[in-house]
């Protein structure tokens, strides 16, 4: 997981995650990572249209979204 997050940070490609909030609510998000630090990622969330902080251990799955050709 961490390798994918670092690759996303380097390349800037969007990432789709399934995330479990601290309130135990599952959501699907498309994000672009801005920073990774101390078990958290700061990213632009396309669903909320703002910067958000996500706990890495709460990311249930992630996949890279390729840029359109």
C-alpha atoms as a PDB file:
ATOM      1  CA  UNK A   1       0.000   0.000   0.000  1.00  0.00           C
ATOM      2  CA  UNK A   2       2.705   2.481   0.977  1.00  0.00           C
ATOM      3  CA  UNK A   3       4.541   1.886  -2.331  1.00  0.00           C
ATOM      4  CA  UNK A   4       1.389   2.774  -4.276  1.00  0.00           C
ATOM      5  CA  UNK A   5       0.862   5.900  -2.196  1.00  0.00           C
ATOM      6  CA  UNK A   6       4.456   7.039  -2.763  1.00  0.00           C
ATOM      7  CA  UNK A   7       4.131   6.369  -6.504  1.00  0.00           C
ATOM      8  CA  UNK A   8       0.963   8.450  -6.581  1.00  0.00           C
ATOM      9  CA  UNK A   9       2.746  11.269  -4.740  1.00  0.00           C
ATOM     10  CA  UNK A  10       5.625  11.215  -7.262  1.00  0.00           C
ATOM     11  CA  UNK A  11       3.513  10.928 -10.411  1.00  0.00           C
ATOM     12  CA  UNK A  12       0.493  12.953  -9.360  1.00  0.00           C
ATOM     13  CA  UNK A  13      -1.906  10.434 -10.934  1.00  0.00           C
ATOM     14  CA  UNK A  14      -5.325  10.202  -9.284  1.00  0.00           C
ATOM     15  CA  UNK A  15      -5.951   7.364  -6.857  1.00  0.00           C
ATOM     16  CA  UNK A  16      -9.246   5.710  -5.978  1.00  0.00           C
ATOM     17  CA  UNK A  17      -9.556   4.553  -2.377  1.00  0.00           C
ATOM     18  CA  UNK A  18     -12.108   2.781  -0.226  1.00  0.00           C
ATOM     19  CA  UNK A  19     -11.872   4.474   3.159  1.00  0.00           C
ATOM     20  CA  UNK A  20     -13.209   3.615   6.612  1.00  0.00           C
ATOM     21  CA  UNK A  21     -13.793   6.739   8.690  1.00  0.00           C
ATOM     22  CA  UNK A  22     -13.252   6.869  12.445  1.00  0.00           C
ATOM     23  CA  UNK A  23     -17.059   6.762  12.692  1.00  0.00           C
ATOM     24  CA  UNK A  24     -16.910   3.409  10.816  1.00  0.00           C
ATOM     25  CA  UNK A  25     -18.496   4.762   7.645  1.00  0.00           C
ATOM     26  CA  UNK A  26     -17.141   3.371   4.369  1.00  0.00           C
ATOM     27  CA  UNK A  27     -16.738   5.721   1.404  1.00  0.00           C
ATOM     28  CA  UNK A  28     -15.172   5.615  -2.040  1.00  0.00           C
ATOM     29  CA  UNK A  29     -12.918   8.574  -2.852  1.00  0.00           C
ATOM     30  CA  UNK A  30     -10.819   9.809  -5.744  1.00  0.00           C
ATOM     31  CA  UNK A  31      -7.807  11.656  -4.419  1.00  0.00           C
ATOM     32  CA  UNK A  32      -4.520  13.205  -5.444  1.00  0.00           C
ATOM     33  CA  UNK A  33      -1.886  12.940  -2.717  1.00  0.00           C
ATOM     34  CA  UNK A  34      -0.138  16.114  -1.563  1.00  0.00           C
ATOM     35  CA  UNK A  35       1.940  14.755   1.359  1.00  0.00           C
ATOM     36  CA  UNK A  36       2.553  11.592   3.393  1.00  0.00           C
ATOM     37  CA  UNK A  37       3.582  11.918   7.049  1.00  0.00           C
ATOM     38  CA  UNK A  38       3.300   9.964  10.312  1.00  0.00           C
ATOM     39  CA  UNK A  39       0.719   7.427   9.121  1.00  0.00           C
ATOM     40  CA  UNK A  40      -1.475  10.012   7.394  1.00  0.00           C
ATOM     41  CA  UNK A  41      -1.827  11.342   3.885  1.00  0.00           C
ATOM     42  CA  UNK A  42      -2.927  14.812   2.958  1.00  0.00           C
ATOM     43  CA  UNK A  43      -4.704  14.793  -0.381  1.00  0.00           C
ATOM     44  CA  UNK A  44      -7.058  16.721  -2.587  1.00  0.00           C
ATOM     45  CA  UNK A  45     -10.399  14.884  -2.463  1.00  0.00           C
ATOM     46  CA  UNK A  46     -12.380  15.158  -5.702  1.00  0.00           C
ATOM     47  CA  UNK A  47     -15.619  14.177  -3.900  1.00  0.00           C
ATOM     48  CA  UNK A  48     -15.402  17.030  -1.366  1.00  0.00           C
ATOM     49  CA  UNK A  49     -13.434  19.421  -3.668  1.00  0.00           C
ATOM     50  CA  UNK A  50     -11.001  20.299  -0.896  1.00  0.00           C
ATOM     51  CA  UNK A  51      -7.870  19.094   0.905  1.00  0.00           C
ATOM     52  CA  UNK A  52      -8.515  16.235   3.344  1.00  0.00           C
ATOM     53  CA  UNK A  53      -6.412  14.149   5.713  1.00  0.00           C
ATOM     54  CA  UNK A  54      -6.719  10.360   5.582  1.00  0.00           C
ATOM     55  CA  UNK A  55      -5.334   7.827   8.063  1.00  0.00           C
ATOM     56  CA  UNK A  56      -3.345   5.268   6.042  1.00  0.00           C
ATOM     57  CA  UNK A  57      -4.446   2.377   8.266  1.00  0.00           C
ATOM     58  CA  UNK A  58      -8.086   3.229   7.450  1.00  0.00           C
ATOM     59  CA  UNK A  59      -7.590   2.840   3.686  1.00  0.00           C
ATOM     60  CA  UNK A  60      -9.183  -0.525   2.905  1.00  0.00           C
ATOM     61  CA  UNK A  61      -8.135  -0.613  -0.754  1.00  0.00           C
ATOM     62  CA  UNK A  62      -6.505   1.622  -3.327  1.00  0.00           C
ATOM     63  CA  UNK A  63      -5.907   1.605  -7.057  1.00  0.00           C
ATOM     64  CA  UNK A  64      -4.162   3.946  -9.434  1.00  0.00           C
ATOM     65  CA  UNK A  65      -6.350   5.688 -11.983  1.00  0.00           C
ATOM     66  CA  UNK A  66      -4.362   6.027 -15.214  1.00  0.00           C
ATOM     67  CA  UNK A  67      -4.249   9.341 -17.031  1.00  0.00           C
ATOM     68  CA  UNK A  68      -6.345   9.363 -20.230  1.00  0.00           C
ATOM     69  CA  UNK A  69      -4.314   8.688 -23.383  1.00  0.00           C
END
